Amino acid sequence: MSDITIEQLRQKISDFAAARDWDQFHSPKSLSMAMIVEAAELVEHFQWLTEEQSQSLPDGKCAEVENELADIFIYLIRMADKLDIDLLNAANNKLKINAEKYPADKVRGSAKKYTEY
């Protein structure tokens, strides 16, 4: 487990981009597109696997998946930074909303969307 906070990582990513003069390319529009490209690269690793295979990746494949997840996470943090969004607060608020939409006693064991029950 890492000892770095989200805020420290946000600053590290910001400094990394600034040192390379990449801020000019990091609009929310461009960052959102870059993030979806990385998400597609992640999906590619699982495309033809069975459910079981997807849960027990070989070490080499797992390392590749880890890199794709890191790319997505970095773009997500960078985009939140550009939009001045506190990701921890946003995630906490979204969990509260989802708890209301998906009460455990109603949806336990079901994959239905909240509009379907």
PDB file of N, CA and C in Angstrom:
ATOM      1  N   MET A   1       0.835  -1.185   0.000  1.00  0.00           N
ATOM      2  CA  MET A   1       0.000   0.000   0.000  1.00  0.00           C
ATOM      3  C   MET A   1       0.877   1.244   0.000  1.00  0.00           C
ATOM      4  N   SER A   2       0.463   2.239  -0.732  1.00  0.00           N
ATOM      5  CA  SER A   2       1.238   3.466  -0.857  1.00  0.00           C
ATOM      6  C   SER A   2       0.910   4.441   0.272  1.00  0.00           C
ATOM      7  N   ASP A   3       1.904   5.216   0.632  1.00  0.00           N
ATOM      8  CA  ASP A   3       1.707   6.235   1.667  1.00  0.00           C
ATOM      9  C   ASP A   3       1.343   7.595   1.079  1.00  0.00           C
ATOM     10  N   ILE A   4       1.261   7.691  -0.236  1.00  0.00           N
ATOM     11  CA  ILE A   4       0.971   8.959  -0.896  1.00  0.00           C
ATOM     12  C   ILE A   4      -0.533   9.236  -0.859  1.00  0.00           C
ATOM     13  N   THR A   5      -0.892  10.479  -0.648  1.00  0.00           N
ATOM     14  CA  THR A   5      -2.304  10.860  -0.660  1.00  0.00           C
ATOM     15  C   THR A   5      -2.728  11.225  -2.076  1.00  0.00           C
ATOM     16  N   ILE A   6      -4.021  11.310  -2.289  1.00  0.00           N
ATOM     17  CA  ILE A   6      -4.536  11.744  -3.588  1.00  0.00           C
ATOM     18  C   ILE A   6      -4.021  13.154  -3.891  1.00  0.00           C
ATOM     19  N   GLU A   7      -4.009  13.999  -2.899  1.00  0.00           N
ATOM     20  CA  GLU A   7      -3.537  15.375  -3.110  1.00  0.00           C
ATOM     21  C   GLU A   7      -2.064  15.399  -3.510  1.00  0.00           C
ATOM     22  N   GLN A   8      -1.250  14.591  -2.859  1.00  0.00           N
ATOM     23  CA  GLN A   8       0.167  14.526  -3.222  1.00  0.00           C
ATOM     24  C   GLN A   8       0.337  13.987  -4.637  1.00  0.00           C
ATOM     25  N   LEU A   9      -0.449  12.985  -4.996  1.00  0.00           N
ATOM     26  CA  LEU A   9      -0.379  12.432  -6.343  1.00  0.00           C
ATOM     27  C   LEU A   9      -0.858  13.463  -7.364  1.00  0.00           C
ATOM     28  N   ARG A  10      -1.918  14.191  -7.046  1.00  0.00           N
ATOM     29  CA  ARG A  10      -2.410  15.248  -7.934  1.00  0.00           C
ATOM     30  C   ARG A  10      -1.306  16.254  -8.205  1.00  0.00           C
ATOM     31  N   GLN A  11      -0.607  16.655  -7.154  1.00  0.00           N
ATOM     32  CA  GLN A  11       0.480  17.632  -7.297  1.00  0.00           C
ATOM     33  C   GLN A  11       1.630  17.054  -8.121  1.00  0.00           C
ATOM     34  N   LYS A  12       1.945  15.804  -7.891  1.00  0.00           N
ATOM     35  CA  LYS A  12       3.025  15.142  -8.633  1.00  0.00           C
ATOM     36  C   LYS A  12       2.687  15.067 -10.128  1.00  0.00           C
ATOM     37  N   ILE A  13       1.440  14.746 -10.445  1.00  0.00           N
ATOM     38  CA  ILE A  13       0.988  14.690 -11.839  1.00  0.00           C
ATOM     39  C   ILE A  13       1.016  16.080 -12.455  1.00  0.00           C
ATOM     40  N   SER A  14       0.567  17.072 -11.722  1.00  0.00           N
ATOM     41  CA  SER A  14       0.572  18.455 -12.196  1.00  0.00           C
ATOM     42  C   SER A  14       2.005  18.923 -12.473  1.00  0.00           C
ATOM     43  N   ASP A  15       2.901  18.626 -11.556  1.00  0.00           N
ATOM     44  CA  ASP A  15       4.312  18.999 -11.726  1.00  0.00           C
ATOM     45  C   ASP A  15       4.918  18.291 -12.936  1.00  0.00           C
ATOM     46  N   PHE A  16       4.578  17.037 -13.117  1.00  0.00           N
ATOM     47  CA  PHE A  16       5.070  16.245 -14.249  1.00  0.00           C
ATOM     48  C   PHE A  16       4.651  16.892 -15.566  1.00  0.00           C
ATOM     49  N   ALA A  17       3.372  17.260 -15.652  1.00  0.00           N
ATOM     50  CA  ALA A  17       2.857  17.890 -16.874  1.00  0.00           C
ATOM     51  C   ALA A  17       3.486  19.266 -17.082  1.00  0.00           C
ATOM     52  N   ALA A  18       3.613  20.031 -16.018  1.00  0.00           N
ATOM     53  CA  ALA A  18       4.187  21.378 -16.123  1.00  0.00           C
ATOM     54  C   ALA A  18       5.639  21.329 -16.595  1.00  0.00           C
ATOM     55  N   ALA A  19       6.408  20.374 -16.093  1.00  0.00           N
ATOM     56  CA  ALA A  19       7.816  20.250 -16.471  1.00  0.00           C
ATOM     57  C   ALA A  19       7.978  19.946 -17.959  1.00  0.00           C
ATOM     58  N   ARG A  20       6.951  19.408 -18.572  1.00  0.00           N
ATOM     59  CA  ARG A  20       6.986  19.043 -19.995  1.00  0.00           C
ATOM     60  C   ARG A  20       6.188  20.006 -20.871  1.00  0.00           C
ATOM     61  N   ASP A  21       5.647  21.058 -20.238  1.00  0.00           N
ATOM     62  CA  ASP A  21       4.814  22.035 -20.933  1.00  0.00           C
ATOM     63  C   ASP A  21       3.616  21.371 -21.612  1.00  0.00           C
ATOM     64  N   TRP A  22       3.010  20.435 -20.904  1.00  0.00           N
ATOM     65  CA  TRP A  22       1.854  19.710 -21.438  1.00  0.00           C
ATOM     66  C   TRP A  22       0.525  20.305 -20.991  1.00  0.00           C
ATOM     67  N   ASP A  23       0.580  21.278 -20.112  1.00  0.00           N
ATOM     68  CA  ASP A  23      -0.674  21.854 -19.616  1.00  0.00           C
ATOM     69  C   ASP A  23      -1.523  22.363 -20.777  1.00  0.00           C
ATOM     70  N   GLN A  24      -0.877  22.857 -21.803  1.00  0.00           N
ATOM     71  CA  GLN A  24      -1.590  23.382 -22.973  1.00  0.00           C
ATOM     72  C   GLN A  24      -2.424  22.317 -23.675  1.00  0.00           C
ATOM     73  N   PHE A  25      -2.086  21.058 -23.482  1.00  0.00           N
ATOM     74  CA  PHE A  25      -2.812  19.955 -24.125  1.00  0.00           C
ATOM     75  C   PHE A  25      -3.846  19.318 -23.201  1.00  0.00           C
ATOM     76  N   HIS A  26      -3.841  19.702 -21.940  1.00  0.00           N
ATOM     77  CA  HIS A  26      -4.654  19.011 -20.943  1.00  0.00           C
ATOM     78  C   HIS A  26      -5.970  19.719 -20.652  1.00  0.00           C
ATOM     79  N   SER A  27      -6.753  19.937 -21.677  1.00  0.00           N
ATOM     80  CA  SER A  27      -8.108  20.460 -21.464  1.00  0.00           C
ATOM     81  C   SER A  27      -8.984  19.296 -20.988  1.00  0.00           C
ATOM     82  N   PRO A  28     -10.084  19.583 -20.314  1.00  0.00           N
ATOM     83  CA  PRO A  28     -10.989  18.488 -19.926  1.00  0.00           C
ATOM     84  C   PRO A  28     -11.427  17.647 -21.128  1.00  0.00           C
ATOM     85  N   LYS A  29     -11.655  18.290 -22.256  1.00  0.00           N
ATOM     86  CA  LYS A  29     -12.047  17.566 -23.472  1.00  0.00           C
ATOM     87  C   LYS A  29     -10.971  16.560 -23.868  1.00  0.00           C
ATOM     88  N   SER A  30      -9.734  17.024 -23.967  1.00  0.00           N
ATOM     89  CA  SER A  30      -8.638  16.142 -24.379  1.00  0.00           C
ATOM     90  C   SER A  30      -8.362  15.063 -23.342  1.00  0.00           C
ATOM     91  N   LEU A  31      -8.416  15.425 -22.076  1.00  0.00           N
ATOM     92  CA  LEU A  31      -8.171  14.450 -21.019  1.00  0.00           C
ATOM     93  C   LEU A  31      -9.260  13.376 -20.990  1.00  0.00           C
ATOM     94  N   SER A  32     -10.508  13.773 -21.237  1.00  0.00           N
ATOM     95  CA  SER A  32     -11.584  12.778 -21.244  1.00  0.00           C
ATOM     96  C   SER A  32     -11.401  11.804 -22.396  1.00  0.00           C
ATOM     97  N   MET A  33     -10.965  12.309 -23.539  1.00  0.00           N
ATOM     98  CA  MET A  33     -10.730  11.419 -24.682  1.00  0.00           C
ATOM     99  C   MET A  33      -9.542  10.501 -24.423  1.00  0.00           C
ATOM    100  N   ALA A  34      -8.475  11.037 -23.836  1.00  0.00           N
ATOM    101  CA  ALA A  34      -7.308  10.210 -23.517  1.00  0.00           C
ATOM    102  C   ALA A  34      -7.686   9.117 -22.521  1.00  0.00           C
ATOM    103  N   MET A  35      -8.537   9.469 -21.564  1.00  0.00           N
ATOM    104  CA  MET A  35      -8.948   8.492 -20.552  1.00  0.00           C
ATOM    105  C   MET A  35      -9.753   7.361 -21.185  1.00  0.00           C
ATOM    106  N   ILE A  36     -10.617   7.664 -22.117  1.00  0.00           N
ATOM    107  CA  ILE A  36     -11.434   6.628 -22.746  1.00  0.00           C
ATOM    108  C   ILE A  36     -10.583   5.747 -23.653  1.00  0.00           C
ATOM    109  N   VAL A  37      -9.554   6.308 -24.261  1.00  0.00           N
ATOM    110  CA  VAL A  37      -8.629   5.509 -25.064  1.00  0.00           C
ATOM    111  C   VAL A  37      -7.929   4.498 -24.157  1.00  0.00           C
ATOM    112  N   GLU A  38      -7.479   4.954 -23.004  1.00  0.00           N
ATOM    113  CA  GLU A  38      -6.817   4.048 -22.058  1.00  0.00           C
ATOM    114  C   GLU A  38      -7.796   2.996 -21.534  1.00  0.00           C
ATOM    115  N   ALA A  39      -9.052   3.391 -21.317  1.00  0.00           N
ATOM    116  CA  ALA A  39     -10.065   2.427 -20.877  1.00  0.00           C
ATOM    117  C   ALA A  39     -10.283   1.359 -21.945  1.00  0.00           C
ATOM    118  N   ALA A  40     -10.265   1.765 -23.199  1.00  0.00           N
ATOM    119  CA  ALA A  40     -10.401   0.795 -24.291  1.00  0.00           C
ATOM    120  C   ALA A  40      -9.214  -0.156 -24.313  1.00  0.00           C
ATOM    121  N   GLU A  41      -8.020   0.360 -24.042  1.00  0.00           N
ATOM    122  CA  GLU A  41      -6.840  -0.506 -23.978  1.00  0.00           C
ATOM    123  C   GLU A  41      -6.962  -1.500 -22.825  1.00  0.00           C
ATOM    124  N   LEU A  42      -7.570  -1.074 -21.732  1.00  0.00           N
ATOM    125  CA  LEU A  42      -7.809  -1.981 -20.612  1.00  0.00           C
ATOM    126  C   LEU A  42      -8.776  -3.092 -21.020  1.00  0.00           C
ATOM    127  N   VAL A  43      -9.866  -2.722 -21.650  1.00  0.00           N
ATOM    128  CA  VAL A  43     -10.883  -3.690 -22.077  1.00  0.00           C
ATOM    129  C   VAL A  43     -10.290  -4.722 -23.028  1.00  0.00           C
ATOM    130  N   GLU A  44      -9.375  -4.282 -23.862  1.00  0.00           N
ATOM    131  CA  GLU A  44      -8.755  -5.182 -24.831  1.00  0.00           C
ATOM    132  C   GLU A  44      -8.093  -6.395 -24.160  1.00  0.00           C
ATOM    133  N   HIS A  45      -7.568  -6.205 -22.965  1.00  0.00           N
ATOM    134  CA  HIS A  45      -6.921  -7.306 -22.240  1.00  0.00           C
ATOM    135  C   HIS A  45      -7.920  -8.390 -21.812  1.00  0.00           C
ATOM    136  N   PHE A  46      -9.181  -8.036 -21.724  1.00  0.00           N
ATOM    137  CA  PHE A  46     -10.206  -8.973 -21.249  1.00  0.00           C
ATOM    138  C   PHE A  46     -11.155  -9.430 -22.356  1.00  0.00           C
ATOM    139  N   GLN A  47     -10.988  -8.896 -23.544  1.00  0.00           N
ATOM    140  CA  GLN A  47     -11.969  -9.039 -24.618  1.00  0.00           C
ATOM    141  C   GLN A  47     -12.427 -10.472 -24.863  1.00  0.00           C
ATOM    142  N   TRP A  48     -11.549 -11.421 -24.969  1.00  0.00           N
ATOM    143  CA  TRP A  48     -11.955 -12.779 -25.340  1.00  0.00           C
ATOM    144  C   TRP A  48     -11.775 -13.773 -24.195  1.00  0.00           C
ATOM    145  N   LEU A  49     -11.636 -13.279 -22.984  1.00  0.00           N
ATOM    146  CA  LEU A  49     -11.464 -14.165 -21.834  1.00  0.00           C
ATOM    147  C   LEU A  49     -12.813 -14.596 -21.270  1.00  0.00           C
ATOM    148  N   THR A  50     -12.822 -15.759 -20.658  1.00  0.00           N
ATOM    149  CA  THR A  50     -14.005 -16.182 -19.915  1.00  0.00           C
ATOM    150  C   THR A  50     -14.029 -15.405 -18.597  1.00  0.00           C
ATOM    151  N   GLU A  51     -15.137 -15.475 -17.900  1.00  0.00           N
ATOM    152  CA  GLU A  51     -15.224 -14.837 -16.580  1.00  0.00           C
ATOM    153  C   GLU A  51     -14.114 -15.360 -15.670  1.00  0.00           C
ATOM    154  N   GLU A  52     -13.923 -16.661 -15.675  1.00  0.00           N
ATOM    155  CA  GLU A  52     -12.900 -17.280 -14.826  1.00  0.00           C
ATOM    156  C   GLU A  52     -11.502 -16.800 -15.204  1.00  0.00           C
ATOM    157  N   GLN A  53     -11.202 -16.784 -16.490  1.00  0.00           N
ATOM    158  CA  GLN A  53      -9.882 -16.331 -16.941  1.00  0.00           C
ATOM    159  C   GLN A  53      -9.632 -14.868 -16.552  1.00  0.00           C
ATOM    160  N   SER A  54     -10.673 -14.066 -16.602  1.00  0.00           N
ATOM    161  CA  SER A  54     -10.517 -12.643 -16.286  1.00  0.00           C
ATOM    162  C   SER A  54     -10.179 -12.417 -14.815  1.00  0.00           C
ATOM    163  N   GLN A  55     -10.463 -13.407 -13.987  1.00  0.00           N
ATOM    164  CA  GLN A  55     -10.213 -13.273 -12.554  1.00  0.00           C
ATOM    165  C   GLN A  55      -8.872 -13.848 -12.120  1.00  0.00           C
ATOM    166  N   SER A  56      -8.168 -14.497 -13.017  1.00  0.00           N
ATOM    167  CA  SER A  56      -6.862 -15.062 -12.664  1.00  0.00           C
ATOM    168  C   SER A  56      -5.883 -14.847 -13.821  1.00  0.00           C
ATOM    169  N   LEU A  57      -5.477 -13.609 -13.985  1.00  0.00           N
ATOM    170  CA  LEU A  57      -4.579 -13.236 -15.073  1.00  0.00           C
ATOM    171  C   LEU A  57      -3.155 -13.708 -14.779  1.00  0.00           C
ATOM    172  N   PRO A  58      -2.447 -14.146 -15.812  1.00  0.00           N
ATOM    173  CA  PRO A  58      -1.026 -14.465 -15.623  1.00  0.00           C
ATOM    174  C   PRO A  58      -0.265 -13.201 -15.216  1.00  0.00           C
ATOM    175  N   ASP A  59       0.876 -13.369 -14.561  1.00  0.00           N
ATOM    176  CA  ASP A  59       1.637 -12.225 -14.045  1.00  0.00           C
ATOM    177  C   ASP A  59       1.918 -11.162 -15.099  1.00  0.00           C
ATOM    178  N   GLY A  60       2.359 -11.559 -16.278  1.00  0.00           N
ATOM    179  CA  GLY A  60       2.668 -10.588 -17.331  1.00  0.00           C
ATOM    180  C   GLY A  60       1.448  -9.792 -17.744  1.00  0.00           C
ATOM    181  N   LYS A  61       0.331 -10.468 -17.897  1.00  0.00           N
ATOM    182  CA  LYS A  61      -0.925  -9.810 -18.290  1.00  0.00           C
ATOM    183  C   LYS A  61      -1.406  -8.892 -17.167  1.00  0.00           C
ATOM    184  N   CYS A  62      -1.253  -9.348 -15.947  1.00  0.00           N
ATOM    185  CA  CYS A  62      -1.669  -8.531 -14.798  1.00  0.00           C
ATOM    186  C   CYS A  62      -0.843  -7.235 -14.735  1.00  0.00           C
ATOM    187  N   ALA A  63       0.429  -7.304 -15.054  1.00  0.00           N
ATOM    188  CA  ALA A  63       1.278  -6.111 -15.074  1.00  0.00           C
ATOM    189  C   ALA A  63       0.815  -5.138 -16.157  1.00  0.00           C
ATOM    190  N   GLU A  64       0.405  -5.660 -17.306  1.00  0.00           N
ATOM    191  CA  GLU A  64      -0.102  -4.805 -18.383  1.00  0.00           C
ATOM    192  C   GLU A  64      -1.407  -4.138 -17.966  1.00  0.00           C
ATOM    193  N   VAL A  65      -2.284  -4.884 -17.326  1.00  0.00           N
ATOM    194  CA  VAL A  65      -3.547  -4.342 -16.827  1.00  0.00           C
ATOM    195  C   VAL A  65      -3.271  -3.266 -15.776  1.00  0.00           C
ATOM    196  N   GLU A  66      -2.307  -3.516 -14.919  1.00  0.00           N
ATOM    197  CA  GLU A  66      -1.927  -2.534 -13.902  1.00  0.00           C
ATOM    198  C   GLU A  66      -1.504  -1.215 -14.549  1.00  0.00           C
ATOM    199  N   ASN A  67      -0.726  -1.300 -15.620  1.00  0.00           N
ATOM    200  CA  ASN A  67      -0.297  -0.084 -16.319  1.00  0.00           C
ATOM    201  C   ASN A  67      -1.464   0.662 -16.945  1.00  0.00           C
ATOM    202  N   GLU A  68      -2.420  -0.066 -17.507  1.00  0.00           N
ATOM    203  CA  GLU A  68      -3.600   0.591 -18.086  1.00  0.00           C
ATOM    204  C   GLU A  68      -4.428   1.261 -16.997  1.00  0.00           C
ATOM    205  N   LEU A  69      -4.600   0.586 -15.875  1.00  0.00           N
ATOM    206  CA  LEU A  69      -5.339   1.183 -14.761  1.00  0.00           C
ATOM    207  C   LEU A  69      -4.641   2.451 -14.263  1.00  0.00           C
ATOM    208  N   ALA A  70      -3.321   2.408 -14.205  1.00  0.00           N
ATOM    209  CA  ALA A  70      -2.561   3.584 -13.773  1.00  0.00           C
ATOM    210  C   ALA A  70      -2.774   4.741 -14.748  1.00  0.00           C
ATOM    211  N   ASP A  71      -2.740   4.453 -16.053  1.00  0.00           N
ATOM    212  CA  ASP A  71      -2.975   5.502 -17.047  1.00  0.00           C
ATOM    213  C   ASP A  71      -4.344   6.144 -16.847  1.00  0.00           C
ATOM    214  N   ILE A  72      -5.365   5.313 -16.654  1.00  0.00           N
ATOM    215  CA  ILE A  72      -6.732   5.814 -16.453  1.00  0.00           C
ATOM    216  C   ILE A  72      -6.799   6.667 -15.189  1.00  0.00           C
ATOM    217  N   PHE A  73      -6.191   6.184 -14.130  1.00  0.00           N
ATOM    218  CA  PHE A  73      -6.198   6.882 -12.843  1.00  0.00           C
ATOM    219  C   PHE A  73      -5.493   8.243 -12.952  1.00  0.00           C
ATOM    220  N   ILE A  74      -4.367   8.267 -13.644  1.00  0.00           N
ATOM    221  CA  ILE A  74      -3.623   9.515 -13.820  1.00  0.00           C
ATOM    222  C   ILE A  74      -4.455  10.523 -14.604  1.00  0.00           C
ATOM    223  N   TYR A  75      -5.060  10.083 -15.688  1.00  0.00           N
ATOM    224  CA  TYR A  75      -5.911  11.008 -16.461  1.00  0.00           C
ATOM    225  C   TYR A  75      -7.122  11.459 -15.644  1.00  0.00           C
ATOM    226  N   LEU A  76      -7.694  10.574 -14.864  1.00  0.00           N
ATOM    227  CA  LEU A  76      -8.835  10.934 -14.023  1.00  0.00           C
ATOM    228  C   LEU A  76      -8.448  12.006 -13.008  1.00  0.00           C
ATOM    229  N   ILE A  77      -7.327  11.806 -12.352  1.00  0.00           N
ATOM    230  CA  ILE A  77      -6.865  12.789 -11.370  1.00  0.00           C
ATOM    231  C   ILE A  77      -6.544  14.115 -12.050  1.00  0.00           C
ATOM    232  N   ARG A  78      -5.909  14.054 -13.202  1.00  0.00           N
ATOM    233  CA  ARG A  78      -5.557  15.277 -13.936  1.00  0.00           C
ATOM    234  C   ARG A  78      -6.808  16.036 -14.366  1.00  0.00           C
ATOM    235  N   MET A  79      -7.808  15.303 -14.842  1.00  0.00           N
ATOM    236  CA  MET A  79      -9.050  15.947 -15.270  1.00  0.00           C
ATOM    237  C   MET A  79      -9.771  16.584 -14.077  1.00  0.00           C
ATOM    238  N   ALA A  80      -9.828  15.883 -12.967  1.00  0.00           N
ATOM    239  CA  ALA A  80     -10.451  16.441 -11.766  1.00  0.00           C
ATOM    240  C   ALA A  80      -9.712  17.696 -11.312  1.00  0.00           C
ATOM    241  N   ASP A  81      -8.396  17.673 -11.421  1.00  0.00           N
ATOM    242  CA  ASP A  81      -7.596  18.836 -11.062  1.00  0.00           C
ATOM    243  C   ASP A  81      -7.953  20.025 -11.959  1.00  0.00           C
ATOM    244  N   LYS A  82      -8.031  19.791 -13.264  1.00  0.00           N
ATOM    245  CA  LYS A  82      -8.352  20.865 -14.201  1.00  0.00           C
ATOM    246  C   LYS A  82      -9.746  21.437 -13.954  1.00  0.00           C
ATOM    247  N   LEU A  83     -10.667  20.604 -13.462  1.00  0.00           N
ATOM    248  CA  LEU A  83     -12.044  21.047 -13.213  1.00  0.00           C
ATOM    249  C   LEU A  83     -12.284  21.414 -11.748  1.00  0.00           C
ATOM    250  N   ASP A  84     -11.221  21.363 -10.948  1.00  0.00           N
ATOM    251  CA  ASP A  84     -11.293  21.673  -9.518  1.00  0.00           C
ATOM    252  C   ASP A  84     -12.350  20.820  -8.800  1.00  0.00           C
ATOM    253  N   ILE A  85     -12.290  19.524  -9.069  1.00  0.00           N
ATOM    254  CA  ILE A  85     -13.204  18.568  -8.439  1.00  0.00           C
ATOM    255  C   ILE A  85     -12.422  17.736  -7.425  1.00  0.00           C
ATOM    256  N   ASP A  86     -12.927  17.659  -6.228  1.00  0.00           N
ATOM    257  CA  ASP A  86     -12.339  16.823  -5.185  1.00  0.00           C
ATOM    258  C   ASP A  86     -12.877  15.404  -5.388  1.00  0.00           C
ATOM    259  N   LEU A  87     -12.038  14.525  -5.912  1.00  0.00           N
ATOM    260  CA  LEU A  87     -12.496  13.171  -6.251  1.00  0.00           C
ATOM    261  C   LEU A  87     -12.968  12.377  -5.041  1.00  0.00           C
ATOM    262  N   LEU A  88     -12.291  12.504  -3.924  1.00  0.00           N
ATOM    263  CA  LEU A  88     -12.720  11.758  -2.729  1.00  0.00           C
ATOM    264  C   LEU A  88     -14.102  12.214  -2.274  1.00  0.00           C
ATOM    265  N   ASN A  89     -14.321  13.508  -2.280  1.00  0.00           N
ATOM    266  CA  ASN A  89     -15.626  14.048  -1.911  1.00  0.00           C
ATOM    267  C   ASN A  89     -16.692  13.640  -2.927  1.00  0.00           C
ATOM    268  N   ALA A  90     -16.337  13.710  -4.209  1.00  0.00           N
ATOM    269  CA  ALA A  90     -17.285  13.331  -5.268  1.00  0.00           C
ATOM    270  C   ALA A  90     -17.671  11.857  -5.146  1.00  0.00           C
ATOM    271  N   ALA A  91     -16.686  10.994  -4.903  1.00  0.00           N
ATOM    272  CA  ALA A  91     -16.974   9.565  -4.760  1.00  0.00           C
ATOM    273  C   ALA A  91     -17.827   9.302  -3.525  1.00  0.00           C
ATOM    274  N   ASN A  92     -17.528   9.978  -2.438  1.00  0.00           N
ATOM    275  CA  ASN A  92     -18.316   9.809  -1.219  1.00  0.00           C
ATOM    276  C   ASN A  92     -19.760  10.252  -1.442  1.00  0.00           C
ATOM    277  N   ASN A  93     -19.943  11.387  -2.102  1.00  0.00           N
ATOM    278  CA  ASN A  93     -21.299  11.872  -2.410  1.00  0.00           C
ATOM    279  C   ASN A  93     -22.032  10.905  -3.333  1.00  0.00           C
ATOM    280  N   LYS A  94     -21.332  10.358  -4.313  1.00  0.00           N
ATOM    281  CA  LYS A  94     -21.959   9.415  -5.246  1.00  0.00           C
ATOM    282  C   LYS A  94     -22.368   8.131  -4.526  1.00  0.00           C
ATOM    283  N   LEU A  95     -21.567   7.684  -3.576  1.00  0.00           N
ATOM    284  CA  LEU A  95     -21.957   6.504  -2.791  1.00  0.00           C
ATOM    285  C   LEU A  95     -23.247   6.756  -2.004  1.00  0.00           C
ATOM    286  N   LYS A  96     -23.393   7.950  -1.495  1.00  0.00           N
ATOM    287  CA  LYS A  96     -24.630   8.306  -0.778  1.00  0.00           C
ATOM    288  C   LYS A  96     -25.827   8.266  -1.726  1.00  0.00           C
ATOM    289  N   ILE A  97     -25.653   8.821  -2.919  1.00  0.00           N
ATOM    290  CA  ILE A  97     -26.726   8.803  -3.924  1.00  0.00           C
ATOM    291  C   ILE A  97     -27.069   7.367  -4.299  1.00  0.00           C
ATOM    292  N   ASN A  98     -26.044   6.548  -4.533  1.00  0.00           N
ATOM    293  CA  ASN A  98     -26.272   5.151  -4.909  1.00  0.00           C
ATOM    294  C   ASN A  98     -26.924   4.356  -3.792  1.00  0.00           C
ATOM    295  N   ALA A  99     -26.618   4.693  -2.557  1.00  0.00           N
ATOM    296  CA  ALA A  99     -27.257   4.007  -1.425  1.00  0.00           C
ATOM    297  C   ALA A  99     -28.761   4.255  -1.417  1.00  0.00           C
ATOM    298  N   GLU A 100     -29.154   5.449  -1.835  1.00  0.00           N
ATOM    299  CA  GLU A 100     -30.579   5.758  -1.923  1.00  0.00           C
ATOM    300  C   GLU A 100     -31.228   5.072  -3.120  1.00  0.00           C
ATOM    301  N   LYS A 101     -30.513   5.048  -4.242  1.00  0.00           N
ATOM    302  CA  LYS A 101     -31.043   4.411  -5.447  1.00  0.00           C
ATOM    303  C   LYS A 101     -31.098   2.897  -5.322  1.00  0.00           C
ATOM    304  N   TYR A 102     -30.138   2.344  -4.607  1.00  0.00           N
ATOM    305  CA  TYR A 102     -29.991   0.884  -4.518  1.00  0.00           C
ATOM    306  C   TYR A 102     -29.975   0.433  -3.056  1.00  0.00           C
ATOM    307  N   PRO A 103     -31.109   0.514  -2.366  1.00  0.00           N
ATOM    308  CA  PRO A 103     -31.135   0.057  -0.973  1.00  0.00           C
ATOM    309  C   PRO A 103     -30.817  -1.442  -0.908  1.00  0.00           C
ATOM    310  N   ALA A 104     -29.919  -1.800  -0.016  1.00  0.00           N
ATOM    311  CA  ALA A 104     -29.432  -3.183   0.065  1.00  0.00           C
ATOM    312  C   ALA A 104     -30.567  -4.192   0.218  1.00  0.00           C
ATOM    313  N   ASP A 105     -31.569  -3.856   0.994  1.00  0.00           N
ATOM    314  CA  ASP A 105     -32.658  -4.813   1.218  1.00  0.00           C
ATOM    315  C   ASP A 105     -33.497  -5.063  -0.041  1.00  0.00           C
ATOM    316  N   LYS A 106     -33.448  -4.141  -0.998  1.00  0.00           N
ATOM    317  CA  LYS A 106     -34.217  -4.303  -2.239  1.00  0.00           C
ATOM    318  C   LYS A 106     -33.409  -4.935  -3.367  1.00  0.00           C
ATOM    319  N   VAL A 107     -32.109  -4.684  -3.380  1.00  0.00           N
ATOM    320  CA  VAL A 107     -31.324  -5.063  -4.558  1.00  0.00           C
ATOM    321  C   VAL A 107     -30.286  -6.155  -4.310  1.00  0.00           C
ATOM    322  N   ARG A 108     -30.187  -6.630  -3.111  1.00  0.00           N
ATOM    323  CA  ARG A 108     -29.176  -7.649  -2.806  1.00  0.00           C
ATOM    324  C   ARG A 108     -29.248  -8.797  -3.806  1.00  0.00           C
ATOM    325  N   GLY A 109     -28.125  -9.074  -4.455  1.00  0.00           N
ATOM    326  CA  GLY A 109     -28.039 -10.183  -5.384  1.00  0.00           C
ATOM    327  C   GLY A 109     -28.611  -9.909  -6.772  1.00  0.00           C
ATOM    328  N   SER A 110     -29.047  -8.675  -7.028  1.00  0.00           N
ATOM    329  CA  SER A 110     -29.640  -8.328  -8.310  1.00  0.00           C
ATOM    330  C   SER A 110     -28.761  -7.323  -9.047  1.00  0.00           C
ATOM    331  N   ALA A 111     -28.682  -7.464 -10.350  1.00  0.00           N
ATOM    332  CA  ALA A 111     -27.914  -6.527 -11.179  1.00  0.00           C
ATOM    333  C   ALA A 111     -28.824  -5.549 -11.899  1.00  0.00           C
ATOM    334  N   LYS A 112     -30.093  -5.511 -11.519  1.00  0.00           N
ATOM    335  CA  LYS A 112     -31.026  -4.606 -12.170  1.00  0.00           C
ATOM    336  C   LYS A 112     -30.702  -3.157 -11.876  1.00  0.00           C
ATOM    337  N   LYS A 113     -30.988  -2.300 -12.833  1.00  0.00           N
ATOM    338  CA  LYS A 113     -30.831  -0.864 -12.653  1.00  0.00           C
ATOM    339  C   LYS A 113     -31.965  -0.370 -11.744  1.00  0.00           C
ATOM    340  N   TYR A 114     -31.704   0.724 -11.022  1.00  0.00           N
ATOM    341  CA  TYR A 114     -32.686   1.224 -10.068  1.00  0.00           C
ATOM    342  C   TYR A 114     -34.024   1.554 -10.695  1.00  0.00           C
ATOM    343  N   THR A 115     -34.071   1.796 -11.992  1.00  0.00           N
ATOM    344  CA  THR A 115     -35.343   2.100 -12.666  1.00  0.00           C
ATOM    345  C   THR A 115     -36.150   0.843 -12.950  1.00  0.00           C
ATOM    346  N   GLU A 116     -35.570  -0.327 -12.690  1.00  0.00           N
ATOM    347  CA  GLU A 116     -36.231  -1.593 -13.005  1.00  0.00           C
ATOM    348  C   GLU A 116     -36.890  -2.283 -11.813  1.00  0.00           C
ATOM    349  N   TYR A 117     -36.841  -1.702 -10.653  1.00  0.00           N
ATOM    350  CA  TYR A 117     -37.475  -2.362  -9.495  1.00  0.00           C
ATOM    351  C   TYR A 117     -38.407  -1.424  -8.783  1.00  0.00           C
TER     352      TYR A 117
END
